[in-house]
């Protein structure tokens, strides 16, 4: 596995070793010891796996939880998305900054989004299947949505028209209104 730094040091792109031939391919998508050694530098335990399927133009996010904060290891197994992490850790030197990366079934990249980040993605292919591991359980009563088009954060989404949003995501908060984390 190769770990690639982003402009936010705690957010990492993970490029797995892929072994392929005329029969197909094999890759290791998760290994506890390597992940802790190369990515987090500390113990990390996942408790929940999620899988979603979305059509082109759907934007999900930007979500985080104020309790049961979740680190997420995300990847795409079909199609392509533009994946975004926004630092909402108040005392962080990268507070309010964002990282975006294309994840696809073809490039097989994964993104580590640690606790304290709002997370979301936009589907750029006809459809996409998105899978991710979480370090804590989903807690809907503690979930917060940062507005996908907040002017302070100013994510440069690669939109091909008006994004399709859930009702929850339509009602996202401005960055200035967010409850943020202390490090």
N, C-alpha and C. Protein backbone atom coordinates (compact mmCIF):
# COMPACT_ATOMS: atom_id res chain seq x y z
N UNK A 1 0.84 -1.17 0.00
CA UNK A 1 0.00 0.00 0.00
C UNK A 1 0.89 1.24 0.00
N UNK A 2 0.50 2.23 -0.78
CA UNK A 2 1.22 3.50 -0.84
C UNK A 2 0.31 4.58 -0.23
N UNK A 3 0.86 5.37 0.68
CA UNK A 3 0.10 6.45 1.32
C UNK A 3 0.57 7.77 0.73
N UNK A 4 -0.41 8.56 0.25
CA UNK A 4 -0.13 9.83 -0.41
C UNK A 4 -0.67 10.95 0.46
N UNK A 5 0.20 11.92 0.79
CA UNK A 5 -0.22 13.06 1.59
C UNK A 5 -1.10 14.00 0.77
N UNK A 6 -2.00 14.69 1.46
CA UNK A 6 -2.82 15.74 0.84
C UNK A 6 -2.41 17.06 1.47
N UNK A 7 -3.05 18.14 1.04
CA UNK A 7 -2.71 19.45 1.61
C UNK A 7 -3.14 19.57 3.08
N UNK A 8 -3.98 18.67 3.55
CA UNK A 8 -4.33 18.58 4.97
C UNK A 8 -3.64 17.33 5.48
N UNK A 9 -2.61 17.47 6.32
CA UNK A 9 -1.77 16.33 6.71
C UNK A 9 -2.51 15.11 7.26
N UNK A 10 -3.63 15.29 7.95
CA UNK A 10 -4.32 14.15 8.54
C UNK A 10 -5.19 13.38 7.55
N UNK A 11 -5.51 13.97 6.41
CA UNK A 11 -6.29 13.30 5.37
C UNK A 11 -5.31 12.64 4.40
N UNK A 12 -5.49 11.35 4.17
CA UNK A 12 -4.53 10.59 3.36
C UNK A 12 -5.22 9.88 2.21
N UNK A 13 -4.55 9.84 1.06
CA UNK A 13 -4.98 9.02 -0.06
C UNK A 13 -4.21 7.71 0.05
N UNK A 14 -4.92 6.62 -0.10
CA UNK A 14 -4.29 5.30 0.00
C UNK A 14 -4.41 4.62 -1.36
N UNK A 15 -3.26 4.24 -1.90
CA UNK A 15 -3.22 3.53 -3.18
C UNK A 15 -2.82 2.09 -2.89
N UNK A 16 -3.76 1.16 -3.02
CA UNK A 16 -3.43 -0.23 -2.72
C UNK A 16 -2.54 -0.85 -3.80
N UNK A 17 -1.80 -1.86 -3.43
CA UNK A 17 -1.06 -2.65 -4.41
C UNK A 17 -2.07 -3.54 -5.12
N UNK A 18 -2.11 -3.47 -6.44
CA UNK A 18 -3.06 -4.24 -7.24
C UNK A 18 -2.27 -5.22 -8.10
N UNK A 19 -2.65 -6.48 -8.02
CA UNK A 19 -1.99 -7.53 -8.78
C UNK A 19 -3.00 -8.06 -9.80
N UNK A 20 -2.71 -7.84 -11.08
CA UNK A 20 -3.66 -8.23 -12.10
C UNK A 20 -3.03 -8.98 -13.25
N UNK A 21 -3.88 -9.74 -13.92
CA UNK A 21 -3.49 -10.43 -15.15
C UNK A 21 -4.75 -10.61 -15.99
N UNK A 22 -4.69 -11.49 -17.01
CA UNK A 22 -5.84 -11.67 -17.90
C UNK A 22 -7.08 -12.20 -17.19
N UNK A 23 -6.92 -12.75 -15.98
CA UNK A 23 -8.06 -13.28 -15.21
C UNK A 23 -8.79 -12.21 -14.42
N UNK A 24 -8.13 -11.08 -14.16
CA UNK A 24 -8.72 -10.03 -13.32
C UNK A 24 -7.66 -9.45 -12.41
N UNK A 25 -8.02 -9.16 -11.17
CA UNK A 25 -7.06 -8.56 -10.24
C UNK A 25 -7.33 -9.01 -8.82
N UNK A 26 -6.34 -8.76 -7.96
CA UNK A 26 -6.45 -8.95 -6.52
C UNK A 26 -5.83 -7.74 -5.86
N UNK A 27 -6.48 -7.27 -4.78
CA UNK A 27 -5.88 -6.21 -3.97
C UNK A 27 -6.35 -6.36 -2.53
N UNK A 28 -5.48 -5.98 -1.63
CA UNK A 28 -5.82 -5.96 -0.21
C UNK A 28 -6.40 -4.58 0.06
N UNK A 29 -7.66 -4.52 0.52
CA UNK A 29 -8.32 -3.23 0.75
C UNK A 29 -8.19 -2.75 2.19
N UNK A 30 -7.81 -3.65 3.08
CA UNK A 30 -7.70 -3.26 4.49
C UNK A 30 -6.77 -4.21 5.21
N UNK A 31 -5.88 -3.63 6.01
CA UNK A 31 -5.02 -4.43 6.88
C UNK A 31 -4.68 -3.57 8.09
N UNK A 32 -5.15 -4.00 9.25
CA UNK A 32 -5.06 -3.23 10.48
C UNK A 32 -3.64 -2.72 10.77
N UNK A 33 -2.68 -3.62 10.78
CA UNK A 33 -1.31 -3.26 11.16
C UNK A 33 -0.73 -2.21 10.22
N UNK A 34 -0.85 -2.42 8.90
CA UNK A 34 -0.33 -1.45 7.93
C UNK A 34 -1.04 -0.11 8.05
N UNK A 35 -2.36 -0.15 8.24
CA UNK A 35 -3.13 1.09 8.33
C UNK A 35 -2.67 1.94 9.51
N UNK A 36 -2.53 1.31 10.67
CA UNK A 36 -2.11 2.03 11.87
C UNK A 36 -0.68 2.54 11.73
N UNK A 37 0.17 1.74 11.13
CA UNK A 37 1.58 2.11 10.98
C UNK A 37 1.77 3.23 9.94
N UNK A 38 1.10 3.11 8.80
CA UNK A 38 1.35 4.03 7.69
C UNK A 38 0.38 5.21 7.59
N UNK A 39 -0.82 5.08 8.17
CA UNK A 39 -1.84 6.12 7.98
C UNK A 39 -2.11 6.91 9.26
N UNK A 40 -2.55 6.23 10.32
CA UNK A 40 -2.98 6.95 11.52
C UNK A 40 -1.87 7.15 12.54
N UNK A 41 -0.91 6.23 12.58
CA UNK A 41 0.15 6.30 13.57
C UNK A 41 -0.32 5.99 14.97
N UNK A 42 -1.53 5.48 15.10
CA UNK A 42 -2.10 5.13 16.41
C UNK A 42 -3.17 4.06 16.19
N UNK A 43 -3.64 3.43 17.26
CA UNK A 43 -4.68 2.41 17.10
C UNK A 43 -5.94 2.99 16.45
N UNK A 44 -6.53 2.20 15.58
CA UNK A 44 -7.75 2.60 14.88
C UNK A 44 -8.62 1.37 14.71
N UNK A 45 -9.85 1.44 15.18
CA UNK A 45 -10.74 0.29 15.10
C UNK A 45 -12.03 0.70 14.38
N UNK A 46 -12.41 -0.07 13.40
CA UNK A 46 -13.64 0.18 12.66
C UNK A 46 -14.76 -0.67 13.23
N UNK A 47 -15.96 -0.10 13.31
CA UNK A 47 -17.09 -0.79 13.92
C UNK A 47 -18.28 -0.95 12.96
N UNK A 48 -18.22 -0.31 11.80
CA UNK A 48 -19.37 -0.32 10.90
C UNK A 48 -18.90 -0.15 9.47
N UNK A 49 -19.47 -0.92 8.55
CA UNK A 49 -19.23 -0.76 7.12
C UNK A 49 -20.53 -0.31 6.46
N UNK A 50 -20.44 0.62 5.51
CA UNK A 50 -21.61 1.13 4.80
C UNK A 50 -21.40 1.02 3.30
N UNK A 51 -22.50 0.97 2.56
CA UNK A 51 -22.47 0.83 1.11
C UNK A 51 -23.64 1.62 0.55
N UNK A 52 -23.37 2.56 -0.37
CA UNK A 52 -24.45 3.31 -1.00
C UNK A 52 -24.30 3.25 -2.51
N UNK A 53 -25.41 3.41 -3.19
CA UNK A 53 -25.43 3.47 -4.65
C UNK A 53 -26.15 4.77 -5.02
N UNK A 54 -25.56 5.52 -5.94
CA UNK A 54 -26.12 6.82 -6.31
C UNK A 54 -26.00 7.03 -7.81
N UNK A 55 -26.90 7.83 -8.36
CA UNK A 55 -26.88 8.16 -9.79
C UNK A 55 -26.08 9.43 -10.04
N UNK A 56 -25.73 9.65 -11.29
CA UNK A 56 -24.96 10.82 -11.71
C UNK A 56 -25.64 12.11 -11.22
N UNK A 57 -24.82 13.02 -10.73
CA UNK A 57 -25.32 14.32 -10.30
C UNK A 57 -25.76 14.39 -8.86
N UNK A 58 -25.78 13.25 -8.17
CA UNK A 58 -26.17 13.26 -6.75
C UNK A 58 -24.98 13.71 -5.92
N UNK A 59 -25.26 14.62 -4.99
CA UNK A 59 -24.26 15.10 -4.05
C UNK A 59 -24.74 14.72 -2.65
N UNK A 60 -23.93 13.99 -1.94
CA UNK A 60 -24.24 13.58 -0.56
C UNK A 60 -23.26 14.26 0.37
N UNK A 61 -23.78 15.01 1.34
CA UNK A 61 -22.91 15.66 2.32
C UNK A 61 -23.12 17.15 2.34
N UNK A 62 -22.36 17.73 3.09
CA UNK A 62 -21.16 17.35 3.84
C UNK A 62 -21.56 17.03 5.29
N UNK A 63 -21.33 15.82 5.76
CA UNK A 63 -21.83 15.35 7.05
C UNK A 63 -20.71 15.09 8.05
N UNK A 64 -21.05 15.27 9.33
CA UNK A 64 -20.21 14.82 10.44
C UNK A 64 -21.08 14.68 11.67
N UNK A 65 -20.54 14.08 12.72
CA UNK A 65 -21.27 13.89 13.97
C UNK A 65 -20.53 14.59 15.09
N UNK A 66 -21.30 15.27 15.95
CA UNK A 66 -20.71 15.96 17.09
C UNK A 66 -20.47 15.00 18.27
N UNK A 67 -21.17 13.89 18.28
CA UNK A 67 -20.94 12.80 19.23
C UNK A 67 -20.72 11.56 18.38
N UNK A 68 -20.09 10.54 18.95
CA UNK A 68 -19.77 9.35 18.17
C UNK A 68 -19.05 9.75 16.88
N UNK A 69 -18.08 10.64 17.02
CA UNK A 69 -17.37 11.14 15.85
C UNK A 69 -16.77 9.98 15.06
N UNK A 70 -16.87 10.08 13.76
CA UNK A 70 -16.46 8.98 12.90
C UNK A 70 -15.26 9.33 12.03
N UNK A 71 -14.26 8.46 12.06
CA UNK A 71 -13.26 8.45 11.01
C UNK A 71 -13.80 7.53 9.93
N UNK A 72 -13.51 7.84 8.67
CA UNK A 72 -14.04 7.03 7.56
C UNK A 72 -12.93 6.68 6.58
N UNK A 73 -12.90 5.43 6.19
CA UNK A 73 -12.02 4.96 5.13
C UNK A 73 -12.94 4.66 3.95
N UNK A 74 -12.86 5.47 2.89
CA UNK A 74 -13.84 5.43 1.81
C UNK A 74 -13.21 4.99 0.50
N UNK A 75 -14.03 4.33 -0.34
CA UNK A 75 -13.60 3.93 -1.67
C UNK A 75 -14.81 3.69 -2.55
N UNK A 76 -14.58 3.61 -3.85
CA UNK A 76 -15.63 3.39 -4.83
C UNK A 76 -15.39 2.04 -5.49
N UNK A 77 -16.44 1.22 -5.59
CA UNK A 77 -16.28 -0.10 -6.21
C UNK A 77 -16.94 -0.16 -7.59
N UNK A 78 -17.70 0.86 -7.95
CA UNK A 78 -18.32 0.94 -9.27
C UNK A 78 -18.53 2.42 -9.58
N UNK A 79 -18.05 2.88 -10.74
CA UNK A 79 -18.23 4.27 -11.13
C UNK A 79 -17.16 5.18 -10.56
N UNK A 80 -17.53 6.48 -10.44
CA UNK A 80 -16.57 7.50 -9.98
C UNK A 80 -17.29 8.58 -9.19
N UNK A 81 -16.63 9.08 -8.16
CA UNK A 81 -17.13 10.22 -7.38
C UNK A 81 -15.99 11.21 -7.16
N UNK A 82 -16.37 12.45 -6.85
CA UNK A 82 -15.43 13.43 -6.34
C UNK A 82 -15.69 13.51 -4.86
N UNK A 83 -14.72 13.09 -4.05
CA UNK A 83 -14.88 12.95 -2.61
C UNK A 83 -14.22 14.13 -1.90
N UNK A 84 -14.89 14.67 -0.88
CA UNK A 84 -14.43 15.88 -0.20
C UNK A 84 -14.44 15.71 1.31
N UNK A 85 -13.38 16.20 1.95
CA UNK A 85 -13.28 16.27 3.41
C UNK A 85 -12.98 17.71 3.81
N UNK A 86 -13.74 18.24 4.79
CA UNK A 86 -13.58 19.61 5.28
C UNK A 86 -13.20 19.56 6.75
N UNK A 87 -12.12 20.22 7.12
CA UNK A 87 -11.64 20.24 8.50
C UNK A 87 -12.54 21.15 9.35
N UNK A 88 -13.24 20.55 10.33
CA UNK A 88 -14.08 21.33 11.25
C UNK A 88 -13.54 21.27 12.68
N UNK A 89 -12.24 21.03 12.79
CA UNK A 89 -11.57 21.01 14.11
C UNK A 89 -11.10 22.43 14.40
N UNK A 90 -11.78 23.07 15.34
CA UNK A 90 -11.58 24.50 15.61
C UNK A 90 -10.12 24.90 15.85
N UNK A 91 -9.34 24.11 16.55
CA UNK A 91 -7.97 24.47 16.88
C UNK A 91 -6.94 23.97 15.86
N UNK A 92 -7.41 23.44 14.75
CA UNK A 92 -6.51 22.90 13.74
C UNK A 92 -5.92 24.01 12.88
N UNK A 93 -4.70 23.83 12.44
CA UNK A 93 -4.07 24.82 11.53
C UNK A 93 -4.73 24.79 10.15
N UNK A 94 -5.52 23.75 9.85
CA UNK A 94 -6.20 23.65 8.55
C UNK A 94 -7.72 23.81 8.72
N UNK A 95 -8.16 24.39 9.84
CA UNK A 95 -9.59 24.61 10.11
C UNK A 95 -10.24 25.34 8.94
N UNK A 96 -11.34 24.77 8.43
CA UNK A 96 -12.08 25.38 7.33
C UNK A 96 -11.54 25.05 5.95
N UNK A 97 -10.42 24.35 5.87
CA UNK A 97 -9.88 23.97 4.56
C UNK A 97 -10.47 22.63 4.13
N UNK A 98 -10.39 22.37 2.83
CA UNK A 98 -10.95 21.13 2.29
C UNK A 98 -9.96 20.46 1.35
N UNK A 99 -10.18 19.15 1.18
CA UNK A 99 -9.42 18.32 0.25
C UNK A 99 -10.45 17.61 -0.62
N UNK A 100 -10.18 17.54 -1.93
CA UNK A 100 -11.04 16.79 -2.84
C UNK A 100 -10.21 15.85 -3.70
N UNK A 101 -10.74 14.66 -3.95
CA UNK A 101 -10.03 13.67 -4.76
C UNK A 101 -11.05 12.81 -5.51
N UNK A 102 -10.70 12.46 -6.74
CA UNK A 102 -11.54 11.53 -7.51
C UNK A 102 -11.24 10.12 -7.04
N UNK A 103 -12.30 9.40 -6.67
CA UNK A 103 -12.21 7.99 -6.32
C UNK A 103 -13.03 7.22 -7.34
N UNK A 104 -12.47 6.13 -7.84
CA UNK A 104 -13.22 5.36 -8.85
C UNK A 104 -12.89 3.88 -8.74
N UNK A 105 -13.74 3.08 -9.37
CA UNK A 105 -13.46 1.65 -9.46
C UNK A 105 -12.18 1.44 -10.26
N UNK A 106 -11.92 2.31 -11.20
CA UNK A 106 -10.73 2.18 -12.05
C UNK A 106 -9.44 2.51 -11.29
N UNK A 107 -9.41 3.66 -10.58
CA UNK A 107 -8.15 4.03 -9.91
C UNK A 107 -7.96 3.33 -8.57
N UNK A 108 -9.02 2.78 -8.00
CA UNK A 108 -8.98 1.98 -6.77
C UNK A 108 -8.42 2.72 -5.56
N UNK A 109 -8.35 4.05 -5.64
CA UNK A 109 -7.85 4.83 -4.51
C UNK A 109 -8.85 4.80 -3.36
N UNK A 110 -8.32 4.96 -2.15
CA UNK A 110 -9.14 5.11 -0.95
C UNK A 110 -8.76 6.44 -0.30
N UNK A 111 -9.67 6.99 0.49
CA UNK A 111 -9.39 8.22 1.21
C UNK A 111 -9.66 7.98 2.69
N UNK A 112 -8.68 8.35 3.52
CA UNK A 112 -8.86 8.32 4.97
C UNK A 112 -9.30 9.71 5.40
N UNK A 113 -10.51 9.77 5.99
CA UNK A 113 -11.10 11.01 6.51
C UNK A 113 -11.20 10.83 8.02
N UNK A 114 -10.30 11.45 8.79
CA UNK A 114 -10.31 11.23 10.24
C UNK A 114 -11.47 11.91 10.94
N UNK A 115 -11.62 11.59 12.22
CA UNK A 115 -12.62 12.26 13.05
C UNK A 115 -12.38 13.76 13.00
N UNK A 116 -13.45 14.54 13.05
CA UNK A 116 -13.32 15.99 13.04
C UNK A 116 -13.42 16.61 11.66
N UNK A 117 -13.85 15.83 10.68
CA UNK A 117 -14.00 16.32 9.32
C UNK A 117 -15.43 16.11 8.84
N UNK A 118 -15.97 17.12 8.14
CA UNK A 118 -17.22 16.93 7.41
C UNK A 118 -16.85 16.22 6.11
N UNK A 119 -17.73 15.35 5.65
CA UNK A 119 -17.42 14.52 4.49
C UNK A 119 -18.60 14.45 3.53
N UNK A 120 -18.29 14.42 2.24
CA UNK A 120 -19.33 14.25 1.23
C UNK A 120 -18.74 13.87 -0.11
N UNK A 121 -19.61 13.55 -1.05
CA UNK A 121 -19.14 13.21 -2.40
C UNK A 121 -20.18 13.57 -3.45
N UNK A 122 -19.69 13.74 -4.68
CA UNK A 122 -20.52 14.06 -5.84
C UNK A 122 -20.27 13.00 -6.90
N UNK A 123 -21.34 12.43 -7.45
CA UNK A 123 -21.21 11.35 -8.43
C UNK A 123 -20.98 11.92 -9.82
N UNK A 124 -19.85 11.57 -10.43
CA UNK A 124 -19.47 12.08 -11.75
C UNK A 124 -19.73 11.07 -12.87
N UNK A 125 -19.94 9.80 -12.55
CA UNK A 125 -20.23 8.77 -13.55
C UNK A 125 -21.74 8.55 -13.60
N UNK A 126 -22.21 7.69 -14.50
CA UNK A 126 -23.66 7.44 -14.63
C UNK A 126 -24.26 6.96 -13.32
N UNK A 127 -23.52 6.17 -12.58
CA UNK A 127 -23.89 5.78 -11.23
C UNK A 127 -22.61 5.33 -10.53
N UNK A 128 -22.68 5.27 -9.20
CA UNK A 128 -21.50 4.88 -8.44
C UNK A 128 -21.93 4.11 -7.19
N UNK A 129 -21.10 3.13 -6.83
CA UNK A 129 -21.28 2.43 -5.57
C UNK A 129 -20.10 2.79 -4.68
N UNK A 130 -20.44 3.27 -3.49
CA UNK A 130 -19.50 3.88 -2.56
C UNK A 130 -19.53 3.04 -1.29
N UNK A 131 -18.36 2.59 -0.83
CA UNK A 131 -18.29 1.80 0.40
C UNK A 131 -17.32 2.45 1.37
N UNK A 132 -17.64 2.33 2.66
CA UNK A 132 -16.75 2.94 3.64
C UNK A 132 -16.87 2.29 5.00
N UNK A 133 -15.74 2.31 5.71
CA UNK A 133 -15.62 1.81 7.06
C UNK A 133 -15.68 3.01 8.02
N UNK A 134 -16.33 2.83 9.16
CA UNK A 134 -16.46 3.91 10.15
C UNK A 134 -15.88 3.48 11.49
N UNK A 135 -15.26 4.45 12.19
CA UNK A 135 -14.66 4.16 13.49
C UNK A 135 -15.65 4.26 14.65
N UNK A 136 -16.86 4.72 14.38
CA UNK A 136 -17.90 4.75 15.42
C UNK A 136 -19.25 4.56 14.74
N UNK A 137 -20.27 4.31 15.54
CA UNK A 137 -21.60 4.02 15.02
C UNK A 137 -22.32 5.29 14.57
N UNK A 138 -23.19 5.12 13.61
CA UNK A 138 -24.01 6.24 13.13
C UNK A 138 -24.95 6.69 14.25
N UNK A 139 -24.98 7.99 14.49
CA UNK A 139 -25.83 8.58 15.51
C UNK A 139 -26.59 9.74 14.88
N UNK A 140 -27.79 9.48 14.35
CA UNK A 140 -28.52 10.53 13.63
C UNK A 140 -28.83 11.76 14.49
N UNK A 141 -28.95 11.60 15.80
CA UNK A 141 -29.27 12.75 16.64
C UNK A 141 -28.08 13.70 16.80
N UNK A 142 -26.88 13.24 16.45
CA UNK A 142 -25.67 14.08 16.56
C UNK A 142 -25.13 14.48 15.19
N UNK A 143 -25.86 14.16 14.12
CA UNK A 143 -25.37 14.46 12.78
C UNK A 143 -25.58 15.93 12.43
N UNK A 144 -24.58 16.50 11.79
CA UNK A 144 -24.63 17.89 11.32
C UNK A 144 -24.31 17.88 9.84
N UNK A 145 -24.99 18.76 9.10
CA UNK A 145 -24.72 18.89 7.67
C UNK A 145 -24.20 20.29 7.39
N UNK A 146 -23.00 20.36 6.85
CA UNK A 146 -22.42 21.61 6.35
C UNK A 146 -22.94 21.81 4.94
N UNK A 147 -23.41 23.00 4.63
CA UNK A 147 -23.92 23.28 3.29
C UNK A 147 -22.85 22.99 2.24
N UNK A 148 -23.22 22.22 1.24
CA UNK A 148 -22.28 21.81 0.19
C UNK A 148 -21.73 23.01 -0.57
N UNK A 149 -22.48 24.11 -0.62
CA UNK A 149 -22.05 25.29 -1.38
C UNK A 149 -21.74 26.48 -0.48
N UNK A 150 -21.30 26.21 0.74
CA UNK A 150 -20.93 27.27 1.67
C UNK A 150 -19.85 28.16 1.06
N UNK A 151 -20.06 29.47 1.13
CA UNK A 151 -19.13 30.42 0.51
C UNK A 151 -17.82 30.57 1.28
N UNK A 152 -17.82 30.31 2.58
CA UNK A 152 -16.59 30.40 3.36
C UNK A 152 -15.63 29.27 2.99
N UNK A 153 -16.15 28.05 2.95
CA UNK A 153 -15.32 26.88 2.62
C UNK A 153 -15.02 26.86 1.12
N UNK A 154 -16.03 27.13 0.31
CA UNK A 154 -15.88 27.28 -1.14
C UNK A 154 -15.27 26.06 -1.83
N UNK A 155 -15.90 24.90 -1.63
CA UNK A 155 -15.46 23.68 -2.31
C UNK A 155 -15.66 23.84 -3.82
N UNK A 156 -14.67 23.48 -4.60
CA UNK A 156 -14.74 23.55 -6.06
C UNK A 156 -15.27 22.22 -6.60
N UNK A 157 -16.55 21.97 -6.43
CA UNK A 157 -17.17 20.74 -6.91
C UNK A 157 -17.12 20.72 -8.45
N UNK A 158 -16.88 19.58 -9.07
CA UNK A 158 -16.87 19.48 -10.53
C UNK A 158 -18.28 19.23 -11.09
N UNK A 159 -19.17 20.16 -10.84
CA UNK A 159 -20.58 19.97 -11.18
C UNK A 159 -20.81 19.98 -12.68
N UNK A 160 -21.78 19.16 -13.11
CA UNK A 160 -22.20 19.16 -14.52
C UNK A 160 -23.63 19.67 -14.62
N UNK A 161 -24.04 20.48 -13.69
CA UNK A 161 -25.41 21.00 -13.58
C UNK A 161 -25.75 21.13 -12.12
N UNK A 162 -27.00 21.44 -11.83
CA UNK A 162 -27.43 21.57 -10.44
C UNK A 162 -27.39 20.19 -9.79
N UNK A 163 -26.72 20.07 -8.63
CA UNK A 163 -26.64 18.75 -7.98
C UNK A 163 -28.00 18.30 -7.43
N UNK A 164 -28.18 17.01 -7.35
CA UNK A 164 -29.38 16.41 -6.77
C UNK A 164 -29.08 16.17 -5.29
N UNK A 165 -29.90 16.78 -4.42
CA UNK A 165 -29.65 16.73 -2.97
C UNK A 165 -30.82 16.11 -2.24
N UNK A 166 -30.53 15.51 -1.09
CA UNK A 166 -31.59 15.06 -0.19
C UNK A 166 -32.16 16.29 0.52
N UNK A 167 -33.30 16.13 1.15
CA UNK A 167 -33.89 17.23 1.92
C UNK A 167 -32.94 17.66 3.04
N UNK A 168 -32.31 16.70 3.68
CA UNK A 168 -31.35 16.99 4.76
C UNK A 168 -30.20 17.84 4.23
N UNK A 169 -29.67 17.47 3.06
CA UNK A 169 -28.53 18.20 2.51
C UNK A 169 -28.94 19.57 1.97
N UNK A 170 -30.18 19.71 1.54
CA UNK A 170 -30.69 21.03 1.11
C UNK A 170 -30.66 22.02 2.27
N UNK A 171 -30.84 21.51 3.50
CA UNK A 171 -30.91 22.37 4.68
C UNK A 171 -29.59 22.49 5.43
N UNK A 172 -28.47 22.26 4.76
CA UNK A 172 -27.17 22.33 5.42
C UNK A 172 -26.87 23.70 6.00
N UNK A 173 -26.06 23.72 7.04
CA UNK A 173 -25.69 24.95 7.74
C UNK A 173 -24.51 25.64 7.08
N UNK A 174 -24.43 26.95 7.24
CA UNK A 174 -23.25 27.69 6.82
C UNK A 174 -22.11 27.36 7.78
N UNK A 175 -20.89 27.46 7.29
CA UNK A 175 -19.72 27.14 8.09
C UNK A 175 -19.70 27.94 9.40
N UNK A 176 -20.10 29.19 9.34
CA UNK A 176 -20.07 30.07 10.52
C UNK A 176 -21.06 29.60 11.60
N UNK A 177 -22.04 28.78 11.22
CA UNK A 177 -23.05 28.30 12.16
C UNK A 177 -22.71 26.96 12.79
N UNK A 178 -21.66 26.32 12.32
CA UNK A 178 -21.36 24.95 12.73
C UNK A 178 -20.90 24.84 14.17
N UNK A 179 -21.25 23.71 14.78
CA UNK A 179 -20.63 23.31 16.04
C UNK A 179 -19.35 22.59 15.63
N UNK A 180 -18.22 23.07 16.14
CA UNK A 180 -16.93 22.53 15.73
C UNK A 180 -16.29 21.75 16.87
N UNK A 181 -15.21 21.09 16.57
CA UNK A 181 -14.50 20.26 17.55
C UNK A 181 -13.30 20.97 18.11
N UNK A 182 -13.02 20.70 19.37
CA UNK A 182 -11.75 21.10 19.98
C UNK A 182 -10.80 19.92 19.84
N UNK A 183 -9.55 20.18 19.53
CA UNK A 183 -8.57 19.09 19.41
C UNK A 183 -8.14 18.62 20.79
